Amino acid sequence: MNFAAIRLKLTPDIFLSLIHMNSPDSSHRWLHLGNKALSNTIQSPRAAFDCAGSPVNRRGVAAVEMACVLPLFFLMFFGIVEFGRAMMCMQVLTNTAREGARACAVQPLTAAQVEQVCADYAAGCGIAGIAVVVSPDPTTVIRGEPVTVSVSVNFADVAFLPPFYAKNTVLNSKSVMRKEREFD
């Protein structure tokens, strides 16, 4: 038979001794030794260690804690998701402007064709409704002069959730490249 003894000093004059008996022929049993008045008030050995009272007095505590914490958790989670979406859109806009400027620098394209190159690239990445500005007109630029392609989109058009926090936010990107060669 195995014994495990616990002795608790509750107040200066009251001790509670618990002995755990584990024998092969019986189930786990607790033997209470000590003050009779104290042992009459304790319902189970677990209750002796429960500082907040019995489990019956703690009903609904988990639901209240969850009701307090869950809105903050969701606010943080969706904030991270939306911030990540904004950063992804900025990266796509940067690449879109670079693709448009590169196409304008190496091919004989008009401003409408550069806008179409940019729109196709952005649509392939899941962003629609971009505004493209090409300056100066690529048909008038000679070799060595810079061509600027600016791309922008309203964040409300690409956000996952309605952006109540960034209603009028516009994401912009710009790329400048020199015309590499002249075309016939």
N, C-alpha and C. Protein backbone atom coordinates (compact mmCIF):
# COMPACT_ATOMS: atom_id res chain seq x y z
N MET A 1 0.84 -1.18 0.00
CA MET A 1 0.00 0.00 0.00
C MET A 1 0.89 1.24 0.00
N ASN A 2 0.58 2.20 -0.89
CA ASN A 2 1.34 3.45 -0.98
C ASN A 2 0.61 4.55 -0.24
N PHE A 3 1.37 5.40 0.44
CA PHE A 3 0.79 6.53 1.14
C PHE A 3 1.41 7.82 0.65
N ALA A 4 0.59 8.84 0.54
CA ALA A 4 1.09 10.18 0.28
C ALA A 4 0.42 11.09 1.30
N ALA A 5 1.18 11.78 2.09
CA ALA A 5 0.61 12.59 3.16
C ALA A 5 0.80 14.06 2.85
N ILE A 6 -0.23 14.85 3.16
CA ILE A 6 -0.19 16.30 3.02
C ILE A 6 -0.64 16.88 4.35
N ARG A 7 0.13 17.80 4.87
CA ARG A 7 -0.26 18.46 6.11
C ARG A 7 -0.30 19.96 5.84
N LEU A 8 -1.45 20.57 6.04
CA LEU A 8 -1.63 21.99 5.81
C LEU A 8 -1.85 22.71 7.12
N LYS A 9 -1.19 23.83 7.28
CA LYS A 9 -1.42 24.67 8.45
C LYS A 9 -2.33 25.80 7.99
N LEU A 10 -3.61 25.73 8.39
CA LEU A 10 -4.58 26.71 7.93
C LEU A 10 -4.57 27.96 8.80
N THR A 11 -4.55 27.78 10.08
CA THR A 11 -4.42 28.89 11.04
C THR A 11 -3.41 28.43 12.08
N PRO A 12 -3.01 29.29 12.99
CA PRO A 12 -2.01 28.86 13.97
C PRO A 12 -2.43 27.65 14.81
N ASP A 13 -3.73 27.45 15.05
CA ASP A 13 -4.14 26.35 15.93
C ASP A 13 -4.85 25.21 15.19
N ILE A 14 -5.04 25.29 13.86
CA ILE A 14 -5.75 24.25 13.12
C ILE A 14 -4.83 23.68 12.05
N PHE A 15 -4.66 22.39 12.10
CA PHE A 15 -3.91 21.68 11.07
C PHE A 15 -4.84 20.73 10.35
N LEU A 16 -4.60 20.54 9.08
CA LEU A 16 -5.37 19.56 8.32
C LEU A 16 -4.37 18.58 7.72
N SER A 17 -4.54 17.34 8.04
CA SER A 17 -3.67 16.31 7.48
C SER A 17 -4.50 15.44 6.57
N LEU A 18 -4.01 15.23 5.36
CA LEU A 18 -4.68 14.36 4.40
C LEU A 18 -3.71 13.24 4.05
N ILE A 19 -4.18 12.05 4.09
CA ILE A 19 -3.36 10.92 3.70
C ILE A 19 -4.03 10.25 2.52
N HIS A 20 -3.30 10.10 1.45
CA HIS A 20 -3.81 9.46 0.25
C HIS A 20 -3.37 8.00 0.27
N MET A 21 -4.33 7.10 0.24
CA MET A 21 -4.03 5.68 0.27
C MET A 21 -4.33 5.10 -1.11
N ASN A 22 -3.38 4.44 -1.67
CA ASN A 22 -3.54 3.80 -2.95
C ASN A 22 -3.16 2.33 -2.78
N SER A 23 -4.12 1.48 -2.79
CA SER A 23 -3.84 0.06 -2.64
C SER A 23 -4.42 -0.68 -3.84
N PRO A 24 -3.87 -1.83 -4.20
CA PRO A 24 -4.36 -2.55 -5.37
C PRO A 24 -5.80 -3.04 -5.24
N ASP A 25 -6.24 -3.29 -4.01
CA ASP A 25 -7.58 -3.83 -3.84
C ASP A 25 -8.66 -2.77 -3.68
N SER A 26 -8.30 -1.50 -3.63
CA SER A 26 -9.31 -0.45 -3.46
C SER A 26 -9.00 0.71 -4.41
N SER A 27 -9.97 1.56 -4.55
CA SER A 27 -9.76 2.75 -5.38
C SER A 27 -9.01 3.80 -4.56
N HIS A 28 -8.75 4.92 -5.18
CA HIS A 28 -8.05 5.99 -4.47
C HIS A 28 -8.96 6.51 -3.35
N ARG A 29 -8.41 6.59 -2.15
CA ARG A 29 -9.18 7.08 -1.02
C ARG A 29 -8.38 8.14 -0.28
N TRP A 30 -9.11 9.09 0.28
CA TRP A 30 -8.48 10.10 1.12
C TRP A 30 -8.95 9.89 2.55
N LEU A 31 -8.02 9.97 3.45
CA LEU A 31 -8.35 9.82 4.86
C LEU A 31 -8.08 11.17 5.52
N HIS A 32 -9.13 11.71 6.17
CA HIS A 32 -8.99 13.01 6.83
C HIS A 32 -8.57 12.80 8.27
N LEU A 33 -7.53 13.44 8.66
CA LEU A 33 -7.10 13.43 10.05
C LEU A 33 -7.00 14.87 10.50
N GLY A 34 -7.26 15.13 11.73
CA GLY A 34 -7.10 16.48 12.23
C GLY A 34 -8.35 16.99 12.89
N ASN A 35 -8.56 18.29 12.84
CA ASN A 35 -9.64 18.95 13.52
C ASN A 35 -10.99 18.45 13.02
N LYS A 36 -11.87 18.03 13.94
CA LYS A 36 -13.17 17.50 13.53
C LYS A 36 -14.06 18.58 12.93
N ALA A 37 -14.06 19.77 13.50
CA ALA A 37 -14.91 20.84 12.98
C ALA A 37 -14.50 21.19 11.56
N LEU A 38 -13.23 21.19 11.29
CA LEU A 38 -12.75 21.50 9.95
C LEU A 38 -13.06 20.37 8.98
N SER A 39 -12.87 19.13 9.41
CA SER A 39 -13.13 18.01 8.50
C SER A 39 -14.61 17.86 8.20
N ASN A 40 -15.49 18.34 9.06
CA ASN A 40 -16.92 18.29 8.77
C ASN A 40 -17.33 19.31 7.71
N THR A 41 -16.58 20.41 7.58
CA THR A 41 -16.95 21.44 6.61
C THR A 41 -16.38 21.17 5.23
N ILE A 42 -15.34 20.36 5.13
CA ILE A 42 -14.71 20.10 3.84
C ILE A 42 -15.48 18.99 3.14
N GLN A 43 -15.93 19.26 1.93
CA GLN A 43 -16.71 18.29 1.19
C GLN A 43 -15.84 17.27 0.47
N SER A 44 -14.74 17.72 -0.11
CA SER A 44 -13.86 16.83 -0.86
C SER A 44 -12.43 17.33 -0.68
N PRO A 45 -11.44 16.47 -0.97
CA PRO A 45 -10.05 16.92 -0.84
C PRO A 45 -9.73 18.07 -1.78
N ARG A 46 -10.36 18.12 -2.96
CA ARG A 46 -10.11 19.21 -3.91
C ARG A 46 -10.58 20.53 -3.35
N ALA A 47 -11.66 20.53 -2.62
CA ALA A 47 -12.20 21.76 -2.06
C ALA A 47 -11.24 22.38 -1.05
N ALA A 48 -10.39 21.57 -0.44
CA ALA A 48 -9.43 22.11 0.51
C ALA A 48 -8.41 23.00 -0.18
N PHE A 49 -8.18 22.78 -1.46
CA PHE A 49 -7.17 23.54 -2.20
C PHE A 49 -7.77 24.60 -3.09
N ASP A 50 -9.07 24.68 -3.20
CA ASP A 50 -9.74 25.64 -4.06
C ASP A 50 -9.91 26.95 -3.31
N CYS A 51 -9.13 27.95 -3.64
CA CYS A 51 -9.14 29.22 -2.91
C CYS A 51 -10.39 30.04 -3.18
N ALA A 52 -11.01 29.86 -4.34
CA ALA A 52 -12.15 30.69 -4.71
C ALA A 52 -13.47 30.08 -4.32
N GLY A 53 -13.48 28.97 -3.62
CA GLY A 53 -14.73 28.33 -3.23
C GLY A 53 -14.99 27.12 -4.09
N SER A 54 -16.13 26.55 -3.93
CA SER A 54 -16.46 25.34 -4.68
C SER A 54 -16.76 25.68 -6.13
N PRO A 55 -16.68 24.70 -7.03
CA PRO A 55 -16.95 24.95 -8.45
C PRO A 55 -18.36 25.49 -8.72
N VAL A 56 -19.30 25.21 -7.82
CA VAL A 56 -20.67 25.70 -8.02
C VAL A 56 -20.71 27.22 -7.97
N ASN A 57 -19.84 27.83 -7.17
CA ASN A 57 -19.82 29.29 -7.03
C ASN A 57 -19.14 29.97 -8.21
N ARG A 58 -18.51 29.22 -9.10
CA ARG A 58 -17.77 29.80 -10.22
C ARG A 58 -18.49 29.59 -11.55
N ARG A 59 -19.77 29.31 -11.52
CA ARG A 59 -20.51 29.10 -12.77
C ARG A 59 -20.58 30.39 -13.57
N GLY A 60 -20.30 30.29 -14.86
CA GLY A 60 -20.41 31.43 -15.76
C GLY A 60 -19.18 32.31 -15.82
N VAL A 61 -18.17 32.02 -15.01
CA VAL A 61 -16.97 32.86 -15.00
C VAL A 61 -16.25 32.77 -16.35
N ALA A 62 -16.17 31.59 -16.91
CA ALA A 62 -15.49 31.42 -18.20
C ALA A 62 -16.23 32.17 -19.30
N ALA A 63 -17.56 32.16 -19.26
CA ALA A 63 -18.33 32.89 -20.27
C ALA A 63 -18.11 34.39 -20.17
N VAL A 64 -18.04 34.91 -18.95
CA VAL A 64 -17.80 36.34 -18.77
C VAL A 64 -16.39 36.71 -19.21
N GLU A 65 -15.41 35.88 -18.87
CA GLU A 65 -14.03 36.15 -19.31
C GLU A 65 -13.93 36.12 -20.83
N MET A 66 -14.60 35.15 -21.45
CA MET A 66 -14.56 35.08 -22.91
C MET A 66 -15.26 36.29 -23.53
N ALA A 67 -16.34 36.73 -22.94
CA ALA A 67 -17.05 37.90 -23.47
C ALA A 67 -16.19 39.16 -23.38
N CYS A 68 -15.31 39.22 -22.41
CA CYS A 68 -14.41 40.37 -22.28
C CYS A 68 -13.22 40.29 -23.23
N VAL A 69 -12.68 39.10 -23.43
CA VAL A 69 -11.44 38.94 -24.18
C VAL A 69 -11.68 38.74 -25.67
N LEU A 70 -12.76 38.08 -26.05
CA LEU A 70 -13.00 37.75 -27.45
C LEU A 70 -13.09 38.96 -28.38
N PRO A 71 -13.79 40.04 -28.02
CA PRO A 71 -13.80 41.21 -28.91
C PRO A 71 -12.41 41.81 -29.14
N LEU A 72 -11.60 41.85 -28.10
CA LEU A 72 -10.24 42.36 -28.26
C LEU A 72 -9.42 41.44 -29.16
N PHE A 73 -9.60 40.14 -29.00
CA PHE A 73 -8.89 39.18 -29.84
C PHE A 73 -9.28 39.35 -31.30
N PHE A 74 -10.59 39.45 -31.58
CA PHE A 74 -11.02 39.61 -32.97
C PHE A 74 -10.57 40.95 -33.55
N LEU A 75 -10.60 42.00 -32.75
CA LEU A 75 -10.12 43.30 -33.22
C LEU A 75 -8.65 43.22 -33.61
N MET A 76 -7.85 42.57 -32.78
CA MET A 76 -6.43 42.41 -33.10
C MET A 76 -6.23 41.53 -34.33
N PHE A 77 -6.97 40.43 -34.40
CA PHE A 77 -6.81 39.49 -35.51
C PHE A 77 -7.16 40.16 -36.84
N PHE A 78 -8.32 40.81 -36.91
CA PHE A 78 -8.72 41.44 -38.17
C PHE A 78 -7.88 42.67 -38.49
N GLY A 79 -7.35 43.34 -37.47
CA GLY A 79 -6.41 44.43 -37.72
C GLY A 79 -5.14 43.93 -38.37
N ILE A 80 -4.64 42.80 -37.91
CA ILE A 80 -3.44 42.21 -38.52
C ILE A 80 -3.73 41.80 -39.95
N VAL A 81 -4.89 41.20 -40.18
CA VAL A 81 -5.26 40.76 -41.53
C VAL A 81 -5.38 41.96 -42.48
N GLU A 82 -6.05 43.02 -42.04
CA GLU A 82 -6.22 44.20 -42.90
C GLU A 82 -4.90 44.92 -43.15
N PHE A 83 -4.05 45.00 -42.14
CA PHE A 83 -2.74 45.62 -42.34
C PHE A 83 -1.92 44.80 -43.33
N GLY A 84 -1.99 43.48 -43.21
CA GLY A 84 -1.30 42.62 -44.17
C GLY A 84 -1.83 42.79 -45.58
N ARG A 85 -3.14 42.94 -45.71
CA ARG A 85 -3.75 43.16 -47.03
C ARG A 85 -3.28 44.49 -47.61
N ALA A 86 -3.20 45.54 -46.80
CA ALA A 86 -2.72 46.83 -47.29
C ALA A 86 -1.27 46.74 -47.75
N MET A 87 -0.44 46.03 -47.00
CA MET A 87 0.97 45.87 -47.40
C MET A 87 1.07 45.06 -48.69
N MET A 88 0.25 44.03 -48.84
CA MET A 88 0.25 43.23 -50.06
C MET A 88 -0.18 44.09 -51.26
N CYS A 89 -1.20 44.90 -51.08
CA CYS A 89 -1.66 45.78 -52.16
C CYS A 89 -0.58 46.80 -52.54
N MET A 90 0.12 47.33 -51.55
CA MET A 90 1.21 48.26 -51.86
C MET A 90 2.30 47.58 -52.66
N GLN A 91 2.62 46.34 -52.33
CA GLN A 91 3.64 45.62 -53.08
C GLN A 91 3.18 45.35 -54.51
N VAL A 92 1.92 44.98 -54.68
CA VAL A 92 1.38 44.75 -56.03
C VAL A 92 1.39 46.05 -56.83
N LEU A 93 1.03 47.17 -56.20
CA LEU A 93 1.05 48.46 -56.91
C LEU A 93 2.47 48.85 -57.31
N THR A 94 3.43 48.60 -56.45
CA THR A 94 4.82 48.89 -56.79
C THR A 94 5.27 48.06 -57.99
N ASN A 95 4.93 46.78 -57.97
CA ASN A 95 5.28 45.91 -59.10
C ASN A 95 4.53 46.31 -60.37
N THR A 96 3.28 46.74 -60.22
CA THR A 96 2.49 47.17 -61.38
C THR A 96 3.12 48.40 -62.03
N ALA A 97 3.50 49.37 -61.21
CA ALA A 97 4.14 50.58 -61.75
C ALA A 97 5.47 50.23 -62.42
N ARG A 98 6.22 49.33 -61.83
CA ARG A 98 7.50 48.91 -62.42
C ARG A 98 7.27 48.19 -63.75
N GLU A 99 6.28 47.31 -63.81
CA GLU A 99 5.98 46.60 -65.06
C GLU A 99 5.56 47.58 -66.15
N GLY A 100 4.73 48.56 -65.81
CA GLY A 100 4.30 49.56 -66.79
C GLY A 100 5.45 50.42 -67.28
N ALA A 101 6.31 50.84 -66.36
CA ALA A 101 7.45 51.67 -66.76
C ALA A 101 8.44 50.87 -67.59
N ARG A 102 8.63 49.62 -67.25
CA ARG A 102 9.55 48.78 -68.02
C ARG A 102 9.00 48.53 -69.43
N ALA A 103 7.70 48.25 -69.53
CA ALA A 103 7.10 48.05 -70.85
C ALA A 103 7.22 49.31 -71.70
N CYS A 104 7.04 50.47 -71.06
CA CYS A 104 7.14 51.73 -71.79
C CYS A 104 8.58 52.02 -72.22
N ALA A 105 9.55 51.57 -71.41
CA ALA A 105 10.95 51.86 -71.71
C ALA A 105 11.49 51.00 -72.83
N VAL A 106 11.00 49.78 -72.99
CA VAL A 106 11.61 48.87 -73.97
C VAL A 106 10.72 48.59 -75.18
N GLN A 107 9.47 49.05 -75.18
CA GLN A 107 8.56 48.79 -76.29
C GLN A 107 7.95 50.10 -76.78
N PRO A 108 7.58 50.16 -78.03
CA PRO A 108 6.91 51.37 -78.54
C PRO A 108 5.42 51.33 -78.21
N LEU A 109 5.05 51.78 -77.00
CA LEU A 109 3.67 51.73 -76.54
C LEU A 109 3.10 53.13 -76.38
N THR A 110 1.77 53.22 -76.50
CA THR A 110 1.07 54.46 -76.19
C THR A 110 0.69 54.46 -74.71
N ALA A 111 0.19 55.58 -74.26
CA ALA A 111 -0.21 55.67 -72.85
C ALA A 111 -1.34 54.69 -72.55
N ALA A 112 -2.28 54.50 -73.46
CA ALA A 112 -3.39 53.56 -73.26
C ALA A 112 -2.88 52.12 -73.18
N GLN A 113 -1.87 51.80 -73.97
CA GLN A 113 -1.31 50.45 -73.92
C GLN A 113 -0.55 50.21 -72.61
N VAL A 114 0.13 51.22 -72.10
CA VAL A 114 0.82 51.11 -70.81
C VAL A 114 -0.21 50.93 -69.69
N GLU A 115 -1.30 51.68 -69.76
CA GLU A 115 -2.38 51.53 -68.78
C GLU A 115 -2.94 50.11 -68.81
N GLN A 116 -3.08 49.54 -70.00
CA GLN A 116 -3.60 48.18 -70.13
C GLN A 116 -2.62 47.16 -69.56
N VAL A 117 -1.32 47.36 -69.78
CA VAL A 117 -0.31 46.47 -69.20
C VAL A 117 -0.41 46.50 -67.68
N CYS A 118 -0.55 47.68 -67.11
CA CYS A 118 -0.67 47.82 -65.65
C CYS A 118 -1.96 47.18 -65.13
N ALA A 119 -3.07 47.41 -65.84
CA ALA A 119 -4.35 46.85 -65.40
C ALA A 119 -4.33 45.32 -65.45
N ASP A 120 -3.71 44.76 -66.48
CA ASP A 120 -3.61 43.31 -66.60
C ASP A 120 -2.77 42.71 -65.47
N TYR A 121 -1.65 43.37 -65.17
CA TYR A 121 -0.79 42.86 -64.09
C TYR A 121 -1.51 42.90 -62.75
N ALA A 122 -2.17 44.02 -62.45
CA ALA A 122 -2.87 44.16 -61.17
C ALA A 122 -4.05 43.19 -61.08
N ALA A 123 -4.77 43.00 -62.18
CA ALA A 123 -5.89 42.07 -62.17
C ALA A 123 -5.40 40.64 -61.94
N GLY A 124 -4.24 40.31 -62.46
CA GLY A 124 -3.67 38.99 -62.22
C GLY A 124 -3.32 38.75 -60.77
N CYS A 125 -3.12 39.81 -60.03
CA CYS A 125 -2.80 39.72 -58.59
C CYS A 125 -4.02 39.95 -57.71
N GLY A 126 -5.19 40.12 -58.31
CA GLY A 126 -6.42 40.26 -57.53
C GLY A 126 -6.80 41.68 -57.16
N ILE A 127 -6.27 42.66 -57.87
CA ILE A 127 -6.60 44.06 -57.58
C ILE A 127 -7.22 44.66 -58.83
N ALA A 128 -8.42 45.17 -58.69
CA ALA A 128 -9.12 45.80 -59.81
C ALA A 128 -9.39 47.27 -59.48
N GLY A 129 -9.63 48.04 -60.52
CA GLY A 129 -9.99 49.44 -60.33
C GLY A 129 -8.82 50.36 -60.07
N ILE A 130 -7.67 50.08 -60.67
CA ILE A 130 -6.52 50.94 -60.46
C ILE A 130 -6.57 52.12 -61.42
N ALA A 131 -5.95 53.21 -61.02
CA ALA A 131 -5.81 54.40 -61.86
C ALA A 131 -4.34 54.52 -62.25
N VAL A 132 -4.08 54.64 -63.54
CA VAL A 132 -2.70 54.71 -64.05
C VAL A 132 -2.50 56.05 -64.74
N VAL A 133 -1.39 56.71 -64.41
CA VAL A 133 -1.01 57.97 -65.06
C VAL A 133 0.40 57.79 -65.62
N VAL A 134 0.54 58.03 -66.94
CA VAL A 134 1.84 57.93 -67.60
C VAL A 134 2.24 59.34 -68.03
N SER A 135 3.43 59.76 -67.61
CA SER A 135 3.89 61.08 -68.02
C SER A 135 5.40 61.03 -68.26
N PRO A 136 5.88 61.70 -69.23
CA PRO A 136 5.15 62.34 -70.35
C PRO A 136 4.61 61.27 -71.29
N ASP A 137 3.95 61.70 -72.32
CA ASP A 137 3.38 60.77 -73.29
C ASP A 137 4.51 59.91 -73.86
N PRO A 138 4.41 58.57 -73.75
CA PRO A 138 5.52 57.72 -74.18
C PRO A 138 5.83 57.78 -75.68
N THR A 139 4.89 58.26 -76.49
CA THR A 139 5.16 58.35 -77.93
C THR A 139 6.06 59.54 -78.26
N THR A 140 6.18 60.51 -77.36
CA THR A 140 7.00 61.71 -77.61
C THR A 140 8.36 61.65 -76.92
N VAL A 141 8.60 60.64 -76.12
CA VAL A 141 9.85 60.55 -75.35
C VAL A 141 10.95 59.99 -76.26
N ILE A 142 12.12 60.63 -76.17
CA ILE A 142 13.27 60.13 -76.94
C ILE A 142 14.17 59.31 -76.03
N ARG A 143 15.12 58.62 -76.60
CA ARG A 143 16.02 57.74 -75.87
C ARG A 143 16.77 58.51 -74.78
N GLY A 144 16.78 57.93 -73.56
CA GLY A 144 17.50 58.53 -72.42
C GLY A 144 16.63 59.39 -71.52
N GLU A 145 15.45 59.78 -71.95
CA GLU A 145 14.57 60.60 -71.11
C GLU A 145 13.75 59.70 -70.19
N PRO A 146 13.43 60.19 -69.00
CA PRO A 146 12.67 59.36 -68.07
C PRO A 146 11.17 59.33 -68.39
N VAL A 147 10.56 58.19 -68.10
CA VAL A 147 9.11 58.01 -68.21
C VAL A 147 8.62 57.61 -66.82
N THR A 148 7.59 58.29 -66.34
CA THR A 148 7.05 58.02 -65.00
C THR A 148 5.68 57.36 -65.13
N VAL A 149 5.52 56.26 -64.41
CA VAL A 149 4.22 55.58 -64.35
C VAL A 149 3.77 55.60 -62.90
N SER A 150 2.62 56.24 -62.65
CA SER A 150 2.04 56.31 -61.30
C SER A 150 0.78 55.46 -61.27
N VAL A 151 0.64 54.66 -60.22
CA VAL A 151 -0.50 53.76 -60.07
C VAL A 151 -1.11 54.02 -58.71
N SER A 152 -2.44 54.08 -58.64
CA SER A 152 -3.13 54.29 -57.36
C SER A 152 -4.43 53.50 -57.34
N VAL A 153 -4.87 53.20 -56.12
CA VAL A 153 -6.15 52.52 -55.91
C VAL A 153 -6.69 52.97 -54.56
N ASN A 154 -7.99 53.07 -54.47
CA ASN A 154 -8.64 53.42 -53.21
C ASN A 154 -8.64 52.18 -52.32
N PHE A 155 -8.21 52.31 -51.07
CA PHE A 155 -8.11 51.15 -50.18
C PHE A 155 -9.47 50.52 -49.91
N ALA A 156 -10.53 51.31 -49.95
CA ALA A 156 -11.87 50.75 -49.73
C ALA A 156 -12.24 49.75 -50.82
N ASP A 157 -11.65 49.88 -52.01
CA ASP A 157 -11.95 48.96 -53.11
C ASP A 157 -11.22 47.63 -52.99
N VAL A 158 -10.16 47.55 -52.20
CA VAL A 158 -9.38 46.33 -52.11
C VAL A 158 -9.36 45.71 -50.71
N ALA A 159 -9.94 46.38 -49.72
CA ALA A 159 -9.94 45.87 -48.36
C ALA A 159 -10.90 44.69 -48.22
N PHE A 160 -10.57 43.76 -47.31
CA PHE A 160 -11.45 42.64 -47.04
C PHE A 160 -12.69 43.08 -46.29
N LEU A 161 -12.51 43.94 -45.30
CA LEU A 161 -13.61 44.46 -44.49
C LEU A 161 -13.85 45.92 -44.86
N PRO A 162 -15.05 46.42 -44.64
CA PRO A 162 -15.27 47.86 -44.89
C PRO A 162 -14.34 48.68 -44.01
N PRO A 163 -13.49 49.51 -44.62
CA PRO A 163 -12.49 50.23 -43.82
C PRO A 163 -13.07 51.46 -43.13
N PHE A 164 -13.72 51.25 -41.99
CA PHE A 164 -14.27 52.36 -41.22
C PHE A 164 -13.15 53.22 -40.64
N TYR A 165 -11.96 52.70 -40.54
CA TYR A 165 -10.82 53.39 -39.96
C TYR A 165 -10.00 54.13 -41.01
N ALA A 166 -10.18 53.80 -42.29
CA ALA A 166 -9.40 54.42 -43.36
C ALA A 166 -10.30 54.65 -44.56
N LYS A 167 -11.31 55.47 -44.39
CA LYS A 167 -12.33 55.65 -45.43
C LYS A 167 -11.77 56.27 -46.71
N ASN A 168 -10.94 57.27 -46.61
CA ASN A 168 -10.45 57.99 -47.79
C ASN A 168 -8.98 57.70 -48.08
N THR A 169 -8.50 56.54 -47.70
CA THR A 169 -7.09 56.21 -47.90
C THR A 169 -6.88 55.74 -49.34
N VAL A 170 -5.88 56.32 -49.98
CA VAL A 170 -5.52 55.94 -51.34
C VAL A 170 -4.10 55.39 -51.31
N LEU A 171 -3.92 54.20 -51.88
CA LEU A 171 -2.60 53.59 -51.96
C LEU A 171 -1.97 54.00 -53.28
N ASN A 172 -0.74 54.55 -53.24
CA ASN A 172 -0.06 55.06 -54.43
C ASN A 172 1.30 54.40 -54.60
N SER A 173 1.72 54.32 -55.85
CA SER A 173 3.08 53.87 -56.14
C SER A 173 3.52 54.52 -57.45
N LYS A 174 4.83 54.74 -57.58
CA LYS A 174 5.36 55.40 -58.77
C LYS A 174 6.68 54.74 -59.16
N SER A 175 6.90 54.63 -60.46
CA SER A 175 8.15 54.08 -60.97
C SER A 175 8.64 54.96 -62.11
N VAL A 176 9.94 55.20 -62.13
CA VAL A 176 10.55 56.02 -63.18
C VAL A 176 11.64 55.19 -63.85
N MET A 177 11.58 55.12 -65.18
CA MET A 177 12.63 54.45 -65.97
C MET A 177 12.95 55.30 -67.18
N ARG A 178 14.18 55.19 -67.64
CA ARG A 178 14.60 55.90 -68.86
C ARG A 178 14.26 55.09 -70.08
N LYS A 179 13.86 55.79 -71.11
CA LYS A 179 13.58 55.14 -72.40
C LYS A 179 14.89 54.56 -72.90
N GLU A 180 14.90 53.27 -73.20
CA GLU A 180 16.15 52.61 -73.57
C GLU A 180 16.51 52.76 -75.04
N ARG A 181 15.53 52.81 -75.90
CA ARG A 181 15.85 52.95 -77.31
C ARG A 181 14.71 53.64 -78.05
N GLU A 182 15.04 54.13 -79.19
CA GLU A 182 14.02 54.78 -80.03
C GLU A 182 13.46 53.78 -81.01
N PHE A 183 12.21 53.97 -81.35
CA PHE A 183 11.53 53.03 -82.24
C PHE A 183 11.12 53.76 -83.51
N ASP A 184 10.94 52.98 -84.53
CA ASP A 184 10.56 53.56 -85.83
C ASP A 184 9.09 53.91 -85.85
